[in-house]
N, C-alpha and C. Protein backbone atom coordinates (compact mmCIF):
# COMPACT_ATOMS: atom_id res chain seq x y z
N MET A 1 -14.89 0.48 -22.75
CA MET A 1 -13.88 -0.51 -22.38
C MET A 1 -13.87 -0.69 -20.87
N THR A 2 -13.58 -1.89 -20.44
CA THR A 2 -13.54 -2.24 -19.03
C THR A 2 -12.47 -1.47 -18.27
N ALA A 3 -11.36 -1.17 -18.91
CA ALA A 3 -10.26 -0.48 -18.24
C ALA A 3 -10.62 0.93 -17.80
N TYR A 4 -11.65 1.49 -18.40
CA TYR A 4 -12.01 2.88 -18.13
C TYR A 4 -13.43 3.03 -17.60
N ALA A 5 -14.01 1.95 -17.12
CA ALA A 5 -15.36 1.98 -16.57
C ALA A 5 -15.33 1.43 -15.15
N ALA A 6 -15.37 2.32 -14.18
CA ALA A 6 -15.24 1.91 -12.78
C ALA A 6 -16.36 0.97 -12.35
N ASP A 7 -17.53 1.09 -12.96
CA ASP A 7 -18.64 0.22 -12.56
C ASP A 7 -18.37 -1.26 -12.86
N HIS A 8 -17.39 -1.55 -13.70
CA HIS A 8 -17.01 -2.93 -14.00
C HIS A 8 -16.01 -3.46 -12.97
N TRP A 9 -15.56 -2.62 -12.06
CA TRP A 9 -14.52 -2.98 -11.11
C TRP A 9 -15.03 -3.12 -9.69
N THR A 10 -16.35 -3.12 -9.50
CA THR A 10 -16.88 -3.17 -8.14
C THR A 10 -16.54 -4.49 -7.43
N GLU A 11 -16.59 -5.61 -8.12
CA GLU A 11 -16.24 -6.89 -7.48
C GLU A 11 -14.78 -6.91 -7.07
N PHE A 12 -13.91 -6.35 -7.90
CA PHE A 12 -12.50 -6.22 -7.53
C PHE A 12 -12.37 -5.34 -6.29
N GLY A 13 -13.14 -4.27 -6.24
CA GLY A 13 -13.11 -3.38 -5.09
C GLY A 13 -13.57 -4.06 -3.82
N VAL A 14 -14.63 -4.84 -3.89
CA VAL A 14 -15.14 -5.55 -2.72
C VAL A 14 -14.11 -6.56 -2.23
N ALA A 15 -13.55 -7.35 -3.15
CA ALA A 15 -12.55 -8.35 -2.76
C ALA A 15 -11.31 -7.70 -2.17
N THR A 16 -10.87 -6.61 -2.79
CA THR A 16 -9.68 -5.91 -2.34
C THR A 16 -9.89 -5.31 -0.95
N ALA A 17 -11.02 -4.66 -0.75
CA ALA A 17 -11.30 -4.05 0.55
C ALA A 17 -11.39 -5.10 1.64
N GLY A 18 -12.04 -6.22 1.37
CA GLY A 18 -12.15 -7.28 2.36
C GLY A 18 -10.81 -7.88 2.73
N ALA A 19 -10.00 -8.17 1.72
CA ALA A 19 -8.68 -8.75 1.98
C ALA A 19 -7.80 -7.77 2.75
N ALA A 20 -7.82 -6.51 2.36
CA ALA A 20 -6.98 -5.51 3.02
C ALA A 20 -7.41 -5.29 4.47
N ALA A 21 -8.70 -5.31 4.74
CA ALA A 21 -9.18 -5.15 6.11
C ALA A 21 -8.73 -6.32 6.98
N ALA A 22 -8.80 -7.54 6.44
CA ALA A 22 -8.34 -8.72 7.19
C ALA A 22 -6.84 -8.63 7.47
N LEU A 23 -6.08 -8.18 6.50
CA LEU A 23 -4.64 -8.06 6.69
C LEU A 23 -4.29 -6.96 7.69
N ALA A 24 -5.04 -5.90 7.69
CA ALA A 24 -4.82 -4.84 8.70
C ALA A 24 -5.07 -5.41 10.09
N GLY A 25 -6.06 -6.28 10.23
CA GLY A 25 -6.30 -6.94 11.51
C GLY A 25 -5.13 -7.82 11.91
N LEU A 26 -4.54 -8.53 10.94
CA LEU A 26 -3.34 -9.33 11.20
C LEU A 26 -2.22 -8.45 11.73
N LEU A 27 -2.05 -7.29 11.14
CA LEU A 27 -1.01 -6.37 11.58
C LEU A 27 -1.23 -5.92 13.02
N VAL A 28 -2.46 -5.60 13.36
CA VAL A 28 -2.76 -5.18 14.72
C VAL A 28 -2.39 -6.28 15.71
N VAL A 29 -2.69 -7.53 15.37
CA VAL A 29 -2.32 -8.66 16.24
C VAL A 29 -0.80 -8.77 16.34
N ALA A 30 -0.11 -8.68 15.20
CA ALA A 30 1.35 -8.81 15.21
C ALA A 30 2.00 -7.73 16.07
N VAL A 31 1.54 -6.51 15.93
CA VAL A 31 2.12 -5.41 16.70
C VAL A 31 1.79 -5.55 18.18
N SER A 32 0.56 -5.92 18.49
CA SER A 32 0.19 -6.03 19.90
C SER A 32 0.94 -7.17 20.59
N ILE A 33 1.19 -8.26 19.87
CA ILE A 33 1.93 -9.39 20.45
C ILE A 33 3.39 -9.01 20.71
N ASN A 34 3.99 -8.27 19.81
CA ASN A 34 5.42 -7.98 19.89
C ASN A 34 5.74 -6.51 20.13
N LEU A 35 4.83 -5.78 20.76
CA LEU A 35 5.01 -4.34 20.91
C LEU A 35 6.31 -3.98 21.63
N GLU A 36 6.61 -4.64 22.72
CA GLU A 36 7.84 -4.32 23.47
C GLU A 36 9.08 -4.55 22.61
N ARG A 37 9.11 -5.65 21.87
CA ARG A 37 10.27 -5.93 21.01
C ARG A 37 10.35 -4.92 19.86
N ILE A 38 9.21 -4.57 19.29
CA ILE A 38 9.19 -3.61 18.19
C ILE A 38 9.76 -2.27 18.65
N LEU A 39 9.41 -1.85 19.84
CA LEU A 39 9.87 -0.57 20.36
C LEU A 39 11.36 -0.56 20.71
N GLN A 40 11.98 -1.73 20.79
CA GLN A 40 13.41 -1.82 21.07
C GLN A 40 14.27 -1.45 19.87
N TYR A 41 13.69 -1.50 18.68
CA TYR A 41 14.42 -1.21 17.45
C TYR A 41 13.92 0.10 16.86
N PRO A 42 14.81 1.06 16.63
CA PRO A 42 14.36 2.38 16.18
C PRO A 42 13.60 2.39 14.85
N SER A 43 13.89 1.45 13.96
CA SER A 43 13.24 1.47 12.64
C SER A 43 11.92 0.71 12.60
N LEU A 44 11.65 -0.15 13.57
CA LEU A 44 10.46 -1.00 13.47
C LEU A 44 9.13 -0.29 13.71
N PRO A 45 9.04 0.71 14.60
CA PRO A 45 7.75 1.42 14.67
C PRO A 45 7.37 2.07 13.34
N ASN A 46 8.36 2.63 12.66
CA ASN A 46 8.12 3.21 11.34
C ASN A 46 7.67 2.13 10.35
N ARG A 47 8.31 0.97 10.43
CA ARG A 47 7.95 -0.14 9.54
C ARG A 47 6.52 -0.62 9.82
N ALA A 48 6.14 -0.66 11.10
CA ALA A 48 4.77 -1.05 11.44
C ALA A 48 3.77 -0.03 10.89
N GLY A 49 4.10 1.25 11.01
CA GLY A 49 3.22 2.29 10.47
C GLY A 49 3.09 2.19 8.97
N HIS A 50 4.19 1.93 8.29
CA HIS A 50 4.14 1.79 6.83
C HIS A 50 3.37 0.55 6.41
N THR A 51 3.45 -0.48 7.21
CA THR A 51 2.68 -1.69 6.90
C THR A 51 1.19 -1.40 7.00
N LEU A 52 0.81 -0.64 8.00
CA LEU A 52 -0.59 -0.24 8.12
C LEU A 52 -1.02 0.57 6.90
N ILE A 53 -0.17 1.47 6.45
CA ILE A 53 -0.46 2.26 5.25
C ILE A 53 -0.58 1.34 4.03
N LEU A 54 0.34 0.37 3.93
CA LEU A 54 0.30 -0.54 2.78
C LEU A 54 -0.99 -1.35 2.75
N PHE A 55 -1.53 -1.70 3.91
CA PHE A 55 -2.80 -2.42 3.95
C PHE A 55 -3.99 -1.47 3.79
N ALA A 56 -3.84 -0.24 4.25
CA ALA A 56 -4.93 0.74 4.11
C ALA A 56 -5.08 1.20 2.66
N LEU A 57 -4.00 1.21 1.92
CA LEU A 57 -4.04 1.66 0.53
C LEU A 57 -5.02 0.83 -0.32
N PRO A 58 -4.92 -0.50 -0.35
CA PRO A 58 -5.91 -1.26 -1.11
C PRO A 58 -7.31 -1.18 -0.51
N LEU A 59 -7.39 -1.02 0.80
CA LEU A 59 -8.70 -0.86 1.43
C LEU A 59 -9.40 0.38 0.91
N VAL A 60 -8.69 1.49 0.87
CA VAL A 60 -9.27 2.75 0.38
C VAL A 60 -9.58 2.64 -1.12
N VAL A 61 -8.67 2.05 -1.87
CA VAL A 61 -8.91 1.87 -3.31
C VAL A 61 -10.17 1.04 -3.53
N GLY A 62 -10.31 -0.04 -2.78
CA GLY A 62 -11.49 -0.89 -2.91
C GLY A 62 -12.77 -0.14 -2.58
N LEU A 63 -12.72 0.67 -1.54
CA LEU A 63 -13.91 1.44 -1.17
C LEU A 63 -14.26 2.48 -2.24
N LEU A 64 -13.24 3.11 -2.81
CA LEU A 64 -13.50 4.09 -3.86
C LEU A 64 -14.12 3.44 -5.11
N LEU A 65 -13.73 2.21 -5.37
CA LEU A 65 -14.27 1.51 -6.55
C LEU A 65 -15.75 1.16 -6.41
N VAL A 66 -16.24 1.04 -5.20
CA VAL A 66 -17.64 0.64 -5.02
C VAL A 66 -18.57 1.83 -4.80
N VAL A 67 -18.06 3.04 -4.89
CA VAL A 67 -18.92 4.22 -4.76
C VAL A 67 -19.83 4.27 -5.99
N PRO A 68 -21.14 4.21 -5.78
CA PRO A 68 -22.04 4.16 -6.93
C PRO A 68 -22.11 5.49 -7.67
N GLY A 69 -22.07 5.41 -8.99
CA GLY A 69 -22.26 6.58 -9.83
C GLY A 69 -21.13 7.59 -9.84
N GLN A 70 -20.00 7.25 -9.28
CA GLN A 70 -18.88 8.19 -9.24
C GLN A 70 -18.30 8.37 -10.65
N PRO A 71 -18.13 9.59 -11.10
CA PRO A 71 -17.54 9.80 -12.42
C PRO A 71 -16.11 9.25 -12.49
N ASP A 72 -15.75 8.71 -13.62
CA ASP A 72 -14.42 8.12 -13.78
C ASP A 72 -13.31 9.15 -13.56
N ALA A 73 -13.54 10.39 -13.99
CA ALA A 73 -12.53 11.43 -13.79
C ALA A 73 -12.32 11.71 -12.30
N ALA A 74 -13.39 11.65 -11.53
CA ALA A 74 -13.26 11.86 -10.08
C ALA A 74 -12.46 10.72 -9.45
N LEU A 75 -12.77 9.50 -9.84
CA LEU A 75 -12.03 8.35 -9.32
C LEU A 75 -10.57 8.44 -9.72
N GLY A 76 -10.30 8.80 -10.95
CA GLY A 76 -8.92 8.95 -11.40
C GLY A 76 -8.17 10.00 -10.59
N SER A 77 -8.84 11.12 -10.32
CA SER A 77 -8.22 12.18 -9.52
C SER A 77 -7.95 11.71 -8.10
N GLU A 78 -8.88 10.95 -7.54
CA GLU A 78 -8.70 10.42 -6.18
C GLU A 78 -7.52 9.45 -6.12
N LEU A 79 -7.44 8.56 -7.09
CA LEU A 79 -6.34 7.61 -7.13
C LEU A 79 -5.00 8.32 -7.28
N LEU A 80 -4.97 9.30 -8.15
CA LEU A 80 -3.75 10.09 -8.37
C LEU A 80 -3.33 10.80 -7.08
N ALA A 81 -4.26 11.48 -6.43
CA ALA A 81 -3.94 12.23 -5.21
C ALA A 81 -3.49 11.30 -4.09
N ILE A 82 -4.20 10.19 -3.89
CA ILE A 82 -3.84 9.25 -2.83
C ILE A 82 -2.46 8.65 -3.10
N GLY A 83 -2.20 8.30 -4.34
CA GLY A 83 -0.90 7.73 -4.69
C GLY A 83 0.25 8.69 -4.44
N VAL A 84 0.07 9.94 -4.86
CA VAL A 84 1.14 10.94 -4.70
C VAL A 84 1.36 11.25 -3.22
N VAL A 85 0.30 11.56 -2.50
CA VAL A 85 0.44 11.95 -1.09
C VAL A 85 1.00 10.81 -0.25
N THR A 86 0.45 9.61 -0.43
CA THR A 86 0.90 8.47 0.35
C THR A 86 2.34 8.10 0.01
N GLY A 87 2.67 8.07 -1.26
CA GLY A 87 4.02 7.73 -1.68
C GLY A 87 5.05 8.72 -1.15
N LEU A 88 4.76 10.01 -1.27
CA LEU A 88 5.69 11.02 -0.76
C LEU A 88 5.85 10.93 0.75
N PHE A 89 4.75 10.71 1.46
CA PHE A 89 4.82 10.57 2.92
C PHE A 89 5.69 9.38 3.31
N MET A 90 5.48 8.24 2.66
CA MET A 90 6.26 7.06 3.00
C MET A 90 7.74 7.24 2.65
N LEU A 91 8.03 7.83 1.53
CA LEU A 91 9.43 8.07 1.15
C LEU A 91 10.09 9.05 2.10
N TYR A 92 9.37 10.09 2.49
CA TYR A 92 9.92 11.08 3.42
C TYR A 92 10.22 10.46 4.78
N THR A 93 9.27 9.70 5.32
CA THR A 93 9.50 9.11 6.64
C THR A 93 10.56 8.03 6.59
N ASN A 94 10.65 7.31 5.48
CA ASN A 94 11.72 6.31 5.35
C ASN A 94 13.09 6.97 5.24
N ALA A 95 13.18 8.08 4.57
CA ALA A 95 14.46 8.77 4.43
C ALA A 95 14.97 9.25 5.79
N ARG A 96 14.07 9.48 6.72
CA ARG A 96 14.45 9.94 8.06
C ARG A 96 14.79 8.80 9.01
N THR A 97 14.56 7.55 8.57
CA THR A 97 14.86 6.39 9.40
C THR A 97 16.20 5.83 8.97
N PRO A 98 17.18 5.80 9.87
CA PRO A 98 18.54 5.39 9.47
C PRO A 98 18.64 3.89 9.20
N LEU A 99 19.70 3.55 8.52
CA LEU A 99 20.06 2.17 8.26
C LEU A 99 20.42 1.51 9.60
N THR A 100 19.87 0.33 9.86
CA THR A 100 20.16 -0.36 11.12
C THR A 100 21.31 -1.34 10.95
N GLU A 101 21.79 -1.87 12.06
CA GLU A 101 22.89 -2.83 12.03
C GLU A 101 22.50 -4.11 11.31
N GLN A 102 21.22 -4.47 11.35
CA GLN A 102 20.75 -5.70 10.74
C GLN A 102 20.54 -5.57 9.23
N GLU A 103 20.61 -4.37 8.70
CA GLU A 103 20.30 -4.14 7.29
C GLU A 103 21.56 -3.85 6.47
N SER A 104 21.55 -4.34 5.25
CA SER A 104 22.55 -3.91 4.29
C SER A 104 21.92 -2.77 3.48
N ARG A 105 22.72 -2.13 2.68
CA ARG A 105 22.19 -1.05 1.83
C ARG A 105 21.11 -1.59 0.89
N THR A 106 21.34 -2.79 0.38
CA THR A 106 20.38 -3.41 -0.55
C THR A 106 19.06 -3.70 0.14
N THR A 107 19.10 -4.30 1.33
CA THR A 107 17.84 -4.61 2.02
C THR A 107 17.13 -3.34 2.44
N TRP A 108 17.88 -2.29 2.76
CA TRP A 108 17.25 -1.01 3.11
C TRP A 108 16.47 -0.48 1.91
N VAL A 109 17.09 -0.51 0.75
CA VAL A 109 16.42 -0.03 -0.46
C VAL A 109 15.20 -0.89 -0.78
N LEU A 110 15.37 -2.21 -0.72
CA LEU A 110 14.27 -3.11 -1.04
C LEU A 110 13.10 -3.00 -0.06
N SER A 111 13.40 -2.81 1.22
CA SER A 111 12.33 -2.79 2.21
C SER A 111 11.74 -1.40 2.45
N ARG A 112 12.47 -0.36 2.11
CA ARG A 112 11.98 0.98 2.42
C ARG A 112 11.61 1.83 1.21
N LEU A 113 12.28 1.62 0.09
CA LEU A 113 11.99 2.44 -1.08
C LEU A 113 11.06 1.74 -2.08
N LEU A 114 11.27 0.46 -2.26
CA LEU A 114 10.48 -0.26 -3.26
C LEU A 114 8.98 -0.29 -2.94
N PRO A 115 8.56 -0.54 -1.69
CA PRO A 115 7.11 -0.59 -1.43
C PRO A 115 6.35 0.68 -1.81
N PRO A 116 6.79 1.87 -1.37
CA PRO A 116 6.02 3.05 -1.78
C PRO A 116 6.16 3.38 -3.26
N ILE A 117 7.33 3.14 -3.83
CA ILE A 117 7.52 3.45 -5.25
C ILE A 117 6.61 2.59 -6.11
N LEU A 118 6.56 1.29 -5.82
CA LEU A 118 5.74 0.41 -6.66
C LEU A 118 4.25 0.57 -6.37
N SER A 119 3.85 0.43 -5.11
CA SER A 119 2.41 0.46 -4.81
C SER A 119 1.81 1.82 -5.14
N CYS A 120 2.45 2.87 -4.70
CA CYS A 120 1.90 4.22 -4.96
C CYS A 120 2.15 4.65 -6.40
N GLY A 121 3.27 4.23 -6.97
CA GLY A 121 3.56 4.57 -8.36
C GLY A 121 2.54 3.99 -9.32
N PHE A 122 2.20 2.71 -9.13
CA PHE A 122 1.17 2.10 -9.97
C PHE A 122 -0.19 2.74 -9.75
N LEU A 123 -0.45 3.18 -8.53
CA LEU A 123 -1.72 3.85 -8.24
C LEU A 123 -1.79 5.20 -8.97
N VAL A 124 -0.70 5.92 -8.97
CA VAL A 124 -0.63 7.19 -9.71
C VAL A 124 -0.84 6.95 -11.20
N VAL A 125 -0.20 5.92 -11.73
CA VAL A 125 -0.36 5.60 -13.15
C VAL A 125 -1.82 5.25 -13.45
N ALA A 126 -2.45 4.48 -12.56
CA ALA A 126 -3.87 4.13 -12.75
C ALA A 126 -4.74 5.38 -12.80
N GLY A 127 -4.48 6.32 -11.89
CA GLY A 127 -5.25 7.56 -11.86
C GLY A 127 -5.07 8.37 -13.14
N ILE A 128 -3.83 8.52 -13.56
CA ILE A 128 -3.55 9.28 -14.78
C ILE A 128 -4.15 8.59 -16.00
N ALA A 129 -3.99 7.26 -16.08
CA ALA A 129 -4.51 6.51 -17.23
C ALA A 129 -6.04 6.57 -17.28
N LEU A 130 -6.69 6.57 -16.12
CA LEU A 130 -8.15 6.66 -16.10
C LEU A 130 -8.61 8.04 -16.55
N ILE A 131 -7.95 9.07 -16.06
CA ILE A 131 -8.30 10.44 -16.45
C ILE A 131 -8.07 10.63 -17.96
N ALA A 132 -6.93 10.15 -18.46
CA ALA A 132 -6.58 10.31 -19.87
C ALA A 132 -7.33 9.33 -20.78
N ARG A 133 -7.95 8.32 -20.16
CA ARG A 133 -8.66 7.26 -20.90
C ARG A 133 -7.74 6.59 -21.93
N GLY A 134 -6.51 6.33 -21.48
CA GLY A 134 -5.52 5.66 -22.31
C GLY A 134 -4.42 5.08 -21.44
N GLY A 135 -3.75 4.07 -21.96
CA GLY A 135 -2.60 3.53 -21.23
C GLY A 135 -2.93 2.45 -20.23
N GLY A 136 -4.10 1.87 -20.29
CA GLY A 136 -4.41 0.75 -19.42
C GLY A 136 -5.41 1.03 -18.33
N GLY A 137 -5.65 2.27 -18.02
CA GLY A 137 -6.69 2.63 -17.05
C GLY A 137 -6.60 1.90 -15.73
N LEU A 138 -7.71 1.34 -15.31
CA LEU A 138 -7.82 0.71 -14.00
C LEU A 138 -7.05 -0.61 -13.90
N TYR A 139 -6.59 -1.16 -15.00
CA TYR A 139 -5.78 -2.37 -14.91
C TYR A 139 -4.49 -2.13 -14.11
N TRP A 140 -4.05 -0.88 -14.00
CA TRP A 140 -2.89 -0.56 -13.18
C TRP A 140 -3.16 -0.74 -11.69
N LEU A 141 -4.44 -0.83 -11.31
CA LEU A 141 -4.76 -1.08 -9.91
C LEU A 141 -4.31 -2.47 -9.46
N VAL A 142 -4.29 -3.40 -10.37
CA VAL A 142 -3.90 -4.78 -10.01
C VAL A 142 -2.46 -4.82 -9.49
N PRO A 143 -1.45 -4.31 -10.21
CA PRO A 143 -0.10 -4.34 -9.63
C PRO A 143 0.03 -3.42 -8.40
N ALA A 144 -0.73 -2.33 -8.35
CA ALA A 144 -0.67 -1.46 -7.17
C ALA A 144 -1.14 -2.20 -5.93
N VAL A 145 -2.27 -2.87 -6.04
CA VAL A 145 -2.82 -3.62 -4.91
C VAL A 145 -1.92 -4.79 -4.55
N LEU A 146 -1.46 -5.52 -5.56
CA LEU A 146 -0.57 -6.66 -5.29
C LEU A 146 0.72 -6.22 -4.62
N ALA A 147 1.32 -5.14 -5.08
CA ALA A 147 2.55 -4.65 -4.46
C ALA A 147 2.31 -4.26 -3.01
N ALA A 148 1.23 -3.55 -2.74
CA ALA A 148 0.93 -3.14 -1.37
C ALA A 148 0.73 -4.35 -0.47
N ILE A 149 -0.02 -5.34 -0.95
CA ILE A 149 -0.29 -6.52 -0.13
C ILE A 149 0.97 -7.35 0.07
N VAL A 150 1.74 -7.59 -0.98
CA VAL A 150 2.95 -8.41 -0.84
C VAL A 150 3.95 -7.74 0.10
N PHE A 151 4.22 -6.45 -0.10
CA PHE A 151 5.17 -5.77 0.79
C PHE A 151 4.62 -5.67 2.21
N GLY A 152 3.33 -5.48 2.34
CA GLY A 152 2.72 -5.46 3.67
C GLY A 152 2.85 -6.80 4.36
N LEU A 153 2.66 -7.89 3.63
CA LEU A 153 2.82 -9.22 4.21
C LEU A 153 4.26 -9.50 4.63
N ILE A 154 5.20 -9.06 3.83
CA ILE A 154 6.62 -9.22 4.19
C ILE A 154 6.90 -8.47 5.49
N ASN A 155 6.42 -7.24 5.59
CA ASN A 155 6.62 -6.47 6.81
C ASN A 155 5.93 -7.11 8.00
N ALA A 156 4.71 -7.60 7.80
CA ALA A 156 3.99 -8.25 8.89
C ALA A 156 4.74 -9.49 9.36
N TRP A 157 5.34 -10.23 8.45
CA TRP A 157 6.14 -11.39 8.80
C TRP A 157 7.33 -10.97 9.68
N VAL A 158 7.99 -9.90 9.31
CA VAL A 158 9.12 -9.40 10.10
C VAL A 158 8.65 -9.02 11.50
N LEU A 159 7.52 -8.31 11.58
CA LEU A 159 7.00 -7.84 12.87
C LEU A 159 6.46 -8.96 13.75
N LEU A 160 6.06 -10.06 13.13
CA LEU A 160 5.47 -11.16 13.90
C LEU A 160 6.45 -12.29 14.18
N ILE A 161 7.28 -12.63 13.20
CA ILE A 161 8.16 -13.81 13.31
C ILE A 161 9.62 -13.44 13.41
N GLU A 162 10.12 -12.70 12.44
CA GLU A 162 11.56 -12.42 12.38
C GLU A 162 12.06 -11.65 13.60
N ILE A 163 11.23 -10.86 14.19
CA ILE A 163 11.65 -10.07 15.35
C ILE A 163 12.02 -10.96 16.54
N LEU A 164 11.53 -12.17 16.54
CA LEU A 164 11.78 -13.09 17.65
C LEU A 164 13.08 -13.89 17.48
N ARG A 165 13.73 -13.77 16.34
CA ARG A 165 14.98 -14.52 16.09
C ARG A 165 16.16 -13.85 16.76
């Protein structure tokens, strides 16, 4: 089945890695243009770092998908480990960043908890499903990648445009 055969996902990996690399470049431009303003707000450097992680996540996933001859169990273990470590790191660093005057409790939850829970959570599910060869396998990479890119784009928008309002 395609869901459990990584060699069928190489084109997805190439497209994902290319898109994520381009978006990481966008982030570098956004941060460099607005660095002084970003540093004026205590929560924004953390948000910039998390955005880089959100763009690096699909980049790494894409690169892992194009490794030739990699056993599916190894790929599943890599996805599981990356999802757990990255998700816990992002949740931990977000928990240490206080609520700002510009944020409500709802926006804090949506902008700080939802990105790692969804992107890394779906990645963990993909890893487990691939190892178990049940439950959808690599199809879970699609929502993981989409969540990382969408939340990363929202953050990049804040760092590039909203910060100037």
